[in-house]
Amino acid sequence: HQQSAVDEKYAQWKSLVPVLYDWLANHNLVWPSLSCRWGPQLEQATYKNRQRLYLSEQTDGSVPNTLVIANCEIVKPRVAAAEHISQFNEEARSPFVKKYKTIIHPGEVNRIRELPQHNHIVATHTDSPDVLIWDVETQPNRHAVLGATPSRPDLVLTGHKENAEFALAMCPKEPYVLSGGKDKSVVLWSIQDHITTTASDPSTNKPQGSGATIVKQNGESPSVGPRGIFQGHEDTVEDVQFCPKSSQEFCSVGDDSCLILWDARTGSDPAIKVEKAHNADLHCVDWNPFDENYILTGSADSSVRMFDRRNLTSDGVGSPVHKFEGHKAAVLCVQWSPDNPTVFGSAAEDGVLNIWDYEKVGKKKERGVRTPNAPPGLFFQHAGHRDKVVDFHWNTYDAWTIVSVSDDCDSSGGGGTLQIWRMSDLIYRPEEEVLVELEEFKSHVVTCGSKS
């Protein structure tokens, strides 16, 4: 019965695709992927742009686990026709996503993060204490067949005492890497000394320093020890994030219900510890790139909370600015929009990816006729996945474009579903603007009608 309810909800969503979306690409994966990340933009054309996309494949062991580098064609706003975006086939691979390179990963890939300064350098977390660093451009393309030896990482970051599976972040300011694990610690590395930057060739027109490579010794992968190890959690660290403007300030969340802020300049103890940020495990955290006072947390309690670092607690308990309650299951991923300081997304085990705007909270007007019972701040629900949405990433090169991935094993016995989508701009643009445009559209339709 539960499956038929899912199918019905999905069919309803699919019928609304031409109305809700400006563009949507649905890509069926043979194996589930636990992480999806945008890489650099490769080229711009009239109707679409090409961009790298990083994914993983979690196999059942019949073939090796892989880190996949794909090329993705992103159709520009207001180019796709409504009939085109609604006519995708659930079982098929998308013509917009093409595999470019496969790296055979030693163990499954739980998390992928790209280095903002050199975005062809990525870090991965697997079921081990080490963080693996890959230069996806110089790594050889491998054929993932049973018995193939794993690809060799360009760099190995050591320092965890136990497996570190999910908590992973790259610093926006400098080549620093942050990780958390089952040993309850947060570990910080600098990989500055291992990256040589060759000035780029002016003819390729790539930004200065985009030609970074990792210095390698012969044979084994070089390893790097930690800059600092930070102790303060009582249980597994589930996610970590840098303060957007600093390589020395960061935060972490864990299964101990705590949110901790750290400052490497003042030592390895917590700068601020929020004891009960939620009443359950915390799975994810993100720090607002526009206003560094705001931090989002997502939890097994199905809620997303927004904290203000100037006023994190009252009586020792977390006092969020707002609780966003729209999911029906554990929240797995939260991320602020790179373009809009008040907008963020949250993805959960209920199969839904919600887009929120905290500016809309408390405004009477937004709780309109359409959705009288929508939670405050929620203005879009992406319901194209039929199972838990494990990761998503806003595209910094293409506003309002999101890649999201679900692990469909439980419901379909299959792999995963990758979707790249952009909601219709009529949904988020100022109401006055939209009404003017629709008014013009209406008069155009009337004129066309009177001619026939």
Foldseek 3Di string as FASTA:
>chain_A
DVLVVLVVVQVVLLVCDLVWFQAKWKADDQAAWQEKDWFAWDADDDFWTKTWMWTWGADPQQWATKIWIKIFIGGAGNPDHSVVRSPDDNHHGTPRIGTDAIFRAPAHFNYKEAAQLQRQWIWTFHFWQKIFIANNVPFHGDDTHRPDDGTAGQEIEHDDPGGFHAAWDAANPAGKIWTWFFSQKIFIAHQVVQKDFDADDVVSVDHGRNRIDGDADPDHRYYTYTPDIAHDGPGTWQYKAAQNVDSQWIWTFFQQQKIFIGGVVVHRYTPDIARHQDVGGWHEKYAQNVDRQWMWTWFQVQKIFIQGVVQQDDPSHGDTPDIFHDGPGGWHYKDAFPPDRQWIWIFFQQQKIWIFGQVQAPDPPVCDDPHVPHTGGTQDIDNNGSGGWSYKYADPVHGQWMWTKHACCVPPVGHIMIMITHTRVLRPDPVVVSVVVVVVVVVVVVVVVVVD
